[in-house]
Amino acid sequence: MRDQKQGRRPVQPDTSRLLLGRFLSSALEVGGTVLHIEPDRDGAKLRIRSGLELRQFHTLTREEYGEIWQNLADRVGNEELTPFYDGSFPFGINGRHCRIRVSLVPTPFGESVTLKVNAREDKVLGLERLGLSPTSLVQLRNLLARNRGLLVVAAPPGSGGTTTWVSIMESLCDGTRKVVSIEDPIEVSLEGVQQIQIKSVRDCPDRSVTFERALRSVLLQDPDVLGISLLKDLSSGHAALSGALAGSLTVTRVHAYSATLALGRLLQLGIESTLLSDCLAAVLAQSLVRKNCPACSQPDPNRNLEGLKGKSSRGKGCEQCHGTGFSGLVAVFELLINSTPIAKLIEDRRSGREIEGQARIEGMTPRASVVRTMVESGEVPLTEYLRIL
């Protein structure tokens, strides 16, 4: 998008920098993780996602929208800020430093802008703090000690997949292994990981850094661990599979709602089922659920589930939770470990229902069962259980 297309006059960078900085700072102050700028005929709506809630934050005039656009151009470079842009820039306020992930999508009224806050202190938690059950934590550690195979982290967008992926990657930097990642873009700086940024150079394709080109060079670097930040096309999918087949422990991430749907997503990207069944180590799938506010949680006699042990509870809303009834988020996981029977089902491209059934037989606890237990204990409301079914 350009100013002349939208009838806006150019603005000074200082003005736009102050405006964007003010909105980003305000978002961080209220615990916002994603800032959405959605243009319309009169200007734009600015909405903030805090936790799992998306709420209206501000209404922008066309001039303010133009100022924010100019600031983005200043930060990432005018030549790079094109429709469908996907990148990031550093941002700091009051001693807090983070990267802002930028995503653009063109609309009739201008580009829709999404700004995702990635702060290292929020993302790198360590395996013990992710929220895995003791059994799943031991199983995950055993998988990471194998130094081979493909480990897939699966989560819907905005459900903590990045946090789990970077925490796993940093846990592998124990000083005894060469750890390399190929990312598009680099969202969190990881100490001990040699991070490679994918980059397309339109005017000089020979200078572009693609997954294929990066992988060829990385495999010559004798890596013990290879990270692929997110599988979103055939190129990234092949890079992850090739790394695992070459003998590196490969840790990647995919947007999928469950462990079995993650397998379907990998096949949809064009990965051969036979090769996937051979190299897959496990899929760690997760979701986020909202916890009841402990200050205002009370029995919910109108919302009970058949067979529920005890009555469900919910927060009614108070000053402490700003009237939402919720207090923070908790991650719930399911760990599908590949086995000979499951590998055969994957190779034959059998349904996710069949694969999940076999995984349950072998001991996998589905996320829904985990959340049901949390409902019974009063930690989360019944609505969260119904939401993730």
Protein backbone atom coordinates (compact mmCIF):
# COMPACT_ATOMS: atom_id res chain seq x y z
CA MET A 1 0.00 0.00 0.00
CA ARG A 2 1.19 3.53 -0.73
CA ASP A 3 -0.05 6.87 0.62
CA GLN A 4 -1.16 8.11 -2.79
CA LYS A 5 -3.41 5.08 -3.24
CA GLN A 6 -5.31 5.88 -0.06
CA GLY A 7 -5.32 9.68 -0.43
CA ARG A 8 -3.16 10.26 2.66
CA ARG A 9 -0.46 12.89 2.95
CA PRO A 10 3.01 11.76 4.02
CA VAL A 11 3.77 12.19 7.72
CA GLN A 12 7.00 12.76 9.56
CA PRO A 13 8.62 9.59 10.97
CA ASP A 14 8.88 11.08 14.46
CA THR A 15 5.11 11.54 14.68
CA SER A 16 4.33 8.03 13.50
CA ARG A 17 6.98 6.51 15.75
CA LEU A 18 5.40 8.12 18.80
CA LEU A 19 1.93 6.95 17.78
CA LEU A 20 2.85 3.32 17.14
CA GLY A 21 5.06 3.23 20.22
CA ARG A 22 2.20 4.53 22.36
CA PHE A 23 -0.19 1.83 21.15
CA LEU A 24 2.37 -0.95 21.56
CA SER A 25 3.26 0.27 25.05
CA SER A 26 -0.42 0.40 26.01
CA ALA A 27 -0.93 -3.13 24.71
CA LEU A 28 1.96 -4.43 26.80
CA GLU A 29 0.67 -2.66 29.90
CA VAL A 30 -2.66 -4.52 29.74
CA GLY A 31 -1.04 -7.86 29.01
CA GLY A 32 -1.75 -7.79 25.29
CA THR A 33 0.04 -10.31 23.10
CA VAL A 34 -1.36 -9.41 19.68
CA LEU A 35 -2.37 -6.04 18.25
CA HIS A 36 -4.78 -6.04 15.28
CA ILE A 37 -5.14 -2.93 13.07
CA GLU A 38 -8.12 -3.48 10.76
CA PRO A 39 -8.79 -0.74 8.18
CA ASP A 40 -12.28 0.32 7.14
CA ARG A 41 -13.83 3.13 5.13
CA ASP A 42 -13.40 5.75 7.86
CA GLY A 43 -10.07 4.70 9.37
CA ALA A 44 -9.25 1.53 11.25
CA LYS A 45 -10.21 -0.45 14.32
CA LEU A 46 -7.45 -1.29 16.75
CA ARG A 47 -8.10 -4.45 18.76
CA ILE A 48 -5.97 -6.24 21.35
CA ARG A 49 -5.85 -9.92 22.22
CA SER A 50 -5.10 -10.51 25.89
CA GLY A 51 -5.18 -14.13 26.91
CA LEU A 52 -7.75 -15.64 24.57
CA GLU A 53 -9.97 -12.55 24.56
CA LEU A 54 -10.03 -10.15 21.60
CA ARG A 55 -11.44 -6.74 22.47
CA GLN A 56 -11.80 -3.28 20.96
CA PHE A 57 -9.01 -0.97 22.09
CA HIS A 58 -9.13 2.16 19.96
CA THR A 59 -10.61 3.64 16.77
CA LEU A 60 -8.10 5.18 14.36
CA THR A 61 -8.70 7.97 11.88
CA ARG A 62 -7.35 7.60 8.36
CA GLU A 63 -4.54 9.98 9.29
CA GLU A 64 -3.58 7.93 12.35
CA TYR A 65 -3.69 4.75 10.29
CA GLY A 66 -1.35 6.41 7.78
CA GLU A 67 1.02 7.42 10.56
CA ILE A 68 1.22 3.88 11.87
CA TRP A 69 1.82 2.57 8.36
CA GLN A 70 4.65 5.07 7.87
CA ASN A 71 6.25 3.99 11.13
CA LEU A 72 6.15 0.34 10.06
CA ALA A 73 7.79 1.32 6.79
CA ASP A 74 10.49 3.18 8.71
CA ARG A 75 11.20 0.19 10.93
CA VAL A 76 11.26 -2.65 8.38
CA GLY A 77 12.25 -0.69 5.28
CA ASN A 78 9.96 0.79 2.64
CA GLU A 79 11.20 -1.63 -0.01
CA GLU A 80 10.19 -4.64 2.11
CA LEU A 81 6.75 -3.53 3.30
CA THR A 82 4.63 -5.16 0.60
CA PRO A 83 1.24 -6.96 0.64
CA PHE A 84 1.49 -10.30 2.48
CA TYR A 85 4.65 -9.10 4.25
CA ASP A 86 5.79 -11.37 7.09
CA GLY A 87 8.67 -10.14 9.23
CA SER A 88 9.62 -8.54 12.53
CA PHE A 89 11.37 -5.60 14.21
CA PRO A 90 12.81 -4.96 17.69
CA PHE A 91 10.89 -2.89 20.23
CA GLY A 92 11.76 -1.75 23.73
CA ILE A 93 9.87 0.12 26.43
CA ASN A 94 10.64 0.69 30.13
CA GLY A 95 13.55 -1.72 30.07
CA ARG A 96 11.57 -4.50 28.39
CA HIS A 97 12.91 -5.70 25.05
CA CYS A 98 11.00 -7.84 22.56
CA ARG A 99 10.46 -8.43 18.87
CA ILE A 100 7.23 -7.48 17.13
CA ARG A 101 6.12 -9.96 14.48
CA VAL A 102 4.44 -8.15 11.58
CA SER A 103 1.91 -9.73 9.22
CA LEU A 104 0.11 -7.84 6.45
CA VAL A 105 -2.95 -8.82 4.43
CA PRO A 106 -4.39 -6.51 1.74
CA THR A 107 -8.03 -5.38 2.00
CA PRO A 108 -10.09 -2.87 -0.06
CA PHE A 109 -9.32 -0.14 2.51
CA GLY A 110 -5.62 -0.83 3.02
CA GLU A 111 -3.47 -3.50 4.60
CA SER A 112 -4.76 -5.28 7.68
CA VAL A 113 -1.86 -5.29 10.15
CA THR A 114 -1.22 -7.83 12.89
CA LEU A 115 1.54 -7.15 15.41
CA LYS A 116 2.49 -10.06 17.66
CA VAL A 117 4.60 -9.43 20.74
CA ASN A 118 7.46 -11.89 21.20
CA ALA A 119 9.39 -11.26 24.39
CA ARG A 120 12.14 -13.72 25.23
CA GLU A 121 11.29 -13.76 28.94
CA ASP A 122 7.72 -14.76 28.05
CA LYS A 123 8.68 -17.43 25.52
CA VAL A 124 11.62 -19.38 26.96
CA LEU A 125 10.14 -21.09 29.99
CA GLY A 126 12.11 -24.31 30.32
CA LEU A 127 10.56 -27.75 29.99
CA GLU A 128 9.49 -27.94 33.64
CA ARG A 129 7.39 -24.78 33.38
CA LEU A 130 5.49 -25.68 30.20
CA GLY A 131 2.78 -27.53 32.13
CA LEU A 132 3.39 -31.10 30.99
CA SER A 133 2.28 -33.91 33.26
CA PRO A 134 5.14 -35.72 35.07
CA THR A 135 4.71 -38.74 32.78
CA SER A 136 4.71 -36.66 29.59
CA LEU A 137 7.72 -34.66 30.79
CA VAL A 138 9.74 -37.85 31.30
CA GLN A 139 8.64 -39.15 27.89
CA LEU A 140 9.60 -35.86 26.21
CA ARG A 141 13.02 -35.85 27.86
CA ASN A 142 13.59 -39.41 26.65
CA LEU A 143 12.67 -38.38 23.11
CA LEU A 144 15.05 -35.41 23.20
CA ALA A 145 17.87 -37.63 24.42
CA ARG A 146 17.63 -39.85 21.34
CA ASN A 147 19.34 -37.36 19.01
CA ARG A 148 17.34 -38.50 16.01
CA GLY A 149 13.86 -38.41 14.53
CA LEU A 150 11.23 -35.73 13.90
CA LEU A 151 9.49 -34.08 16.85
CA VAL A 152 6.48 -31.95 15.88
CA VAL A 153 4.95 -29.30 18.14
CA ALA A 154 1.32 -28.76 17.13
CA ALA A 155 -0.92 -25.90 18.24
CA PRO A 156 -3.50 -23.54 16.73
CA PRO A 157 -2.27 -19.99 16.12
CA GLY A 158 -1.98 -18.06 19.38
CA SER A 159 -2.01 -21.19 21.57
CA GLY A 160 1.56 -21.21 22.83
CA GLY A 161 3.22 -23.29 20.11
CA THR A 162 6.10 -20.84 19.73
CA THR A 163 6.74 -20.88 23.49
CA THR A 164 6.92 -24.68 23.54
CA TRP A 165 9.14 -24.83 20.45
CA VAL A 166 11.70 -22.28 21.67
CA SER A 167 11.73 -23.82 25.16
CA ILE A 168 12.51 -27.23 23.68
CA MET A 169 15.20 -25.77 21.42
CA GLU A 170 16.94 -23.99 24.28
CA SER A 171 16.78 -27.10 26.47
CA LEU A 172 18.82 -28.89 23.81
CA CYS A 173 21.66 -26.35 24.10
CA ASP A 174 23.52 -28.30 26.78
CA GLY A 175 27.00 -27.67 25.40
CA THR A 176 27.39 -31.16 23.94
CA ARG A 177 25.38 -30.66 20.75
CA LYS A 178 25.50 -28.45 17.69
CA VAL A 179 22.08 -26.79 17.47
CA VAL A 180 20.99 -24.94 14.31
CA SER A 181 17.61 -23.52 13.33
CA ILE A 182 16.12 -22.28 10.06
CA GLU A 183 13.38 -19.73 10.73
CA ASP A 184 10.97 -17.55 8.80
CA PRO A 185 11.19 -15.14 10.56
CA ILE A 186 13.36 -15.36 13.69
CA GLU A 187 10.92 -14.47 16.47
CA VAL A 188 12.99 -15.05 19.63
CA SER A 189 16.76 -14.85 20.01
CA LEU A 190 18.01 -18.18 21.43
CA GLU A 191 21.40 -18.31 23.11
CA GLY A 192 23.39 -21.30 21.90
CA VAL A 193 21.32 -21.80 18.75
CA GLN A 194 22.79 -20.84 15.37
CA GLN A 195 19.68 -19.18 13.90
CA ILE A 196 19.32 -18.71 10.14
CA GLN A 197 16.79 -16.22 8.77
CA ILE A 198 14.95 -17.10 5.55
CA LYS A 199 15.06 -14.09 3.23
CA SER A 200 13.79 -13.44 -0.27
CA VAL A 201 15.67 -10.90 -2.39
CA ARG A 202 13.33 -10.02 -5.26
CA ASP A 203 15.88 -8.23 -7.42
CA CYS A 204 18.60 -10.84 -6.92
CA PRO A 205 17.26 -14.39 -6.40
CA ASP A 206 20.79 -15.75 -6.12
CA ARG A 207 21.14 -13.87 -2.82
CA SER A 208 17.91 -15.24 -1.40
CA VAL A 209 18.07 -17.59 1.58
CA THR A 210 15.55 -20.39 1.02
CA PHE A 211 14.84 -23.48 3.10
CA GLU A 212 16.46 -25.69 0.46
CA ARG A 213 19.59 -23.56 0.22
CA ALA A 214 19.92 -23.15 3.98
CA LEU A 215 19.43 -26.87 4.59
CA ARG A 216 22.14 -27.87 2.12
CA SER A 217 24.64 -25.69 3.96
CA VAL A 218 23.43 -26.58 7.45
CA LEU A 219 23.86 -30.32 6.88
CA LEU A 220 27.52 -29.64 6.08
CA GLN A 221 27.85 -28.01 9.51
CA ASP A 222 27.50 -31.36 11.32
CA PRO A 223 24.33 -30.46 13.30
CA ASP A 224 23.09 -32.67 16.12
CA VAL A 225 19.81 -30.75 16.36
CA LEU A 226 17.95 -28.97 13.59
CA GLY A 227 15.04 -26.63 14.26
CA ILE A 228 12.51 -25.60 11.61
CA SER A 229 10.42 -22.81 13.07
CA LEU A 230 7.08 -23.42 11.33
CA LEU A 231 5.91 -25.75 8.58
CA LYS A 232 3.66 -23.76 6.26
CA ASP A 233 4.49 -25.03 2.79
CA LEU A 234 6.15 -27.88 0.91
CA SER A 235 9.56 -26.21 1.08
CA SER A 236 9.65 -26.00 4.88
CA GLY A 237 8.08 -29.45 5.17
CA HIS A 238 10.75 -31.05 3.02
CA ALA A 239 13.47 -29.27 5.01
CA ALA A 240 12.18 -30.76 8.27
CA LEU A 241 11.82 -34.23 6.80
CA SER A 242 15.25 -34.10 5.15
CA GLY A 243 16.89 -33.07 8.40
CA ALA A 244 15.33 -35.99 10.24
CA LEU A 245 16.22 -38.45 7.48
CA ALA A 246 19.80 -37.15 7.50
CA GLY A 247 20.14 -38.19 11.14
CA SER A 248 19.59 -34.97 13.09
CA LEU A 249 17.04 -34.63 15.84
CA THR A 250 14.66 -32.26 14.08
CA VAL A 251 12.21 -30.13 16.07
CA THR A 252 9.53 -28.28 14.15
CA ARG A 253 6.16 -26.67 14.61
CA VAL A 254 2.87 -26.80 12.72
CA HIS A 255 -0.48 -25.09 13.09
CA ALA A 256 -2.92 -27.89 13.92
CA TYR A 257 -5.60 -28.47 16.53
CA SER A 258 -4.55 -31.93 17.69
CA ALA A 259 -1.78 -34.50 17.34
CA THR A 260 -3.61 -36.51 14.69
CA LEU A 261 -4.62 -33.41 12.73
CA ALA A 262 -0.95 -32.41 12.74
CA LEU A 263 -0.17 -35.64 10.92
CA GLY A 264 -2.87 -34.82 8.40
CA ARG A 265 -1.40 -31.35 7.97
CA LEU A 266 2.04 -32.79 7.21
CA LEU A 267 0.57 -35.10 4.60
CA GLN A 268 -1.38 -32.18 3.13
CA LEU A 269 1.89 -30.29 2.70
CA GLY A 270 3.09 -33.07 0.42
CA ILE A 271 5.25 -35.15 2.77
CA GLU A 272 5.20 -38.81 1.77
CA SER A 273 3.41 -41.00 4.30
CA THR A 274 6.05 -43.73 4.12
CA LEU A 275 8.89 -41.34 4.92
CA LEU A 276 6.87 -39.64 7.67
CA SER A 277 6.07 -42.96 9.33
CA ASP A 278 9.77 -43.90 9.27
CA CYS A 279 11.24 -40.71 10.76
CA LEU A 280 8.48 -39.40 13.08
CA ALA A 281 9.40 -39.57 16.75
CA ALA A 282 6.35 -37.89 18.27
CA VAL A 283 3.78 -35.11 18.07
CA LEU A 284 3.31 -32.83 21.07
CA ALA A 285 -0.03 -31.05 20.70
CA GLN A 286 -1.29 -28.30 22.97
CA SER A 287 -4.08 -25.85 23.63
CA LEU A 288 -4.57 -23.00 26.08
CA VAL A 289 -7.51 -22.88 28.48
CA ARG A 290 -8.62 -20.08 30.76
CA LYS A 291 -8.52 -20.59 34.51
CA ASN A 292 -11.24 -19.48 36.89
CA CYS A 293 -10.50 -16.37 38.91
CA PRO A 294 -9.86 -17.69 42.45
CA ALA A 295 -11.29 -14.52 43.98
CA CYS A 296 -14.77 -14.88 42.47
CA SER A 297 -15.08 -18.55 41.45
CA GLN A 298 -18.32 -20.16 42.58
CA PRO A 299 -20.32 -23.33 41.89
CA ASP A 300 -22.06 -23.37 38.52
CA PRO A 301 -25.17 -25.50 39.09
CA ASN A 302 -26.60 -24.77 35.65
CA ARG A 303 -23.63 -26.11 33.70
CA ASN A 304 -22.72 -29.67 34.62
CA LEU A 305 -21.52 -32.55 32.51
CA GLU A 306 -22.89 -36.05 32.66
CA GLY A 307 -20.60 -38.19 34.77
CA LEU A 308 -18.75 -35.20 36.15
CA LYS A 309 -17.24 -35.80 39.58
CA GLY A 310 -18.59 -32.90 41.59
CA LYS A 311 -20.05 -29.67 40.24
CA SER A 312 -18.33 -27.33 37.86
CA SER A 313 -17.32 -23.81 38.88
CA ARG A 314 -16.92 -20.50 37.12
CA GLY A 315 -15.77 -16.99 37.95
CA LYS A 316 -18.61 -14.50 38.16
CA GLY A 317 -16.38 -11.48 37.54
CA CYS A 318 -14.78 -9.08 40.03
CA GLU A 319 -12.32 -6.21 40.25
CA GLN A 320 -9.38 -8.58 40.52
CA CYS A 321 -10.15 -10.21 37.14
CA HIS A 322 -11.54 -6.99 35.58
CA GLY A 323 -14.99 -8.54 35.36
CA THR A 324 -13.95 -11.44 33.10
CA GLY A 325 -14.21 -14.31 35.58
CA PHE A 326 -10.83 -15.60 34.40
CA SER A 327 -7.34 -15.42 35.82
CA GLY A 328 -4.57 -16.44 33.45
CA LEU A 329 -4.08 -19.31 31.06
CA VAL A 330 -2.80 -22.85 31.40
CA ALA A 331 -1.45 -25.07 28.64
CA VAL A 332 -2.77 -28.61 28.23
CA PHE A 333 -0.91 -31.21 26.20
CA GLU A 334 -1.25 -34.57 24.52
CA LEU A 335 1.87 -36.50 23.48
CA LEU A 336 1.49 -38.97 20.61
CA ILE A 337 4.60 -41.17 20.44
CA ASN A 338 5.21 -43.06 17.22
CA SER A 339 5.23 -46.84 17.46
CA THR A 340 5.19 -49.72 15.02
CA PRO A 341 1.35 -49.94 14.97
CA ILE A 342 0.97 -46.15 14.65
CA ALA A 343 3.65 -45.97 11.94
CA LYS A 344 1.72 -48.56 9.94
CA LEU A 345 -1.47 -46.50 10.26
CA ILE A 346 0.39 -43.37 9.10
CA GLU A 347 1.95 -45.21 6.17
CA ASP A 348 -1.48 -46.46 5.09
CA ARG A 349 -2.90 -42.92 5.50
CA ARG A 350 -5.57 -44.12 7.91
CA SER A 351 -7.94 -41.68 9.59
CA GLY A 352 -7.00 -39.53 12.55
CA ARG A 353 -9.67 -41.28 14.59
CA GLU A 354 -7.97 -44.65 14.08
CA ILE A 355 -4.55 -43.25 14.92
CA GLU A 356 -5.87 -41.55 18.06
CA GLY A 357 -7.57 -44.79 19.11
CA GLN A 358 -4.30 -46.67 18.85
CA ALA A 359 -2.45 -43.90 20.68
CA ARG A 360 -4.96 -44.13 23.54
CA ILE A 361 -4.42 -47.88 23.72
CA GLU A 362 -0.70 -47.19 24.04
CA GLY A 363 -1.23 -44.70 26.88
CA MET A 364 -1.79 -41.26 25.35
CA THR A 365 -4.04 -39.05 27.46
CA PRO A 366 -6.11 -36.74 25.20
CA ARG A 367 -6.22 -33.05 26.10
CA ALA A 368 -9.99 -33.24 26.58
CA SER A 369 -9.48 -35.75 29.40
CA VAL A 370 -6.92 -33.45 31.02
CA VAL A 371 -9.29 -30.47 30.87
CA ARG A 372 -12.20 -32.56 32.19
CA THR A 373 -10.13 -33.32 35.28
CA MET A 374 -9.40 -29.61 35.66
CA VAL A 375 -13.13 -28.88 35.47
CA GLU A 376 -13.78 -31.42 38.21
CA SER A 377 -11.19 -29.73 40.42
CA GLY A 378 -12.73 -26.29 39.83
CA GLU A 379 -9.61 -24.92 38.15
CA VAL A 380 -11.32 -24.16 34.83
CA PRO A 381 -14.97 -23.65 33.88
CA LEU A 382 -17.00 -26.21 31.96
CA THR A 383 -17.18 -23.85 28.99
CA GLU A 384 -13.44 -24.35 28.41
CA TYR A 385 -13.91 -28.11 28.23
CA LEU A 386 -16.74 -27.72 25.72
CA ARG A 387 -14.63 -25.26 23.70
CA ILE A 388 -11.75 -27.67 23.06
CA LEU A 389 -13.83 -30.78 22.32
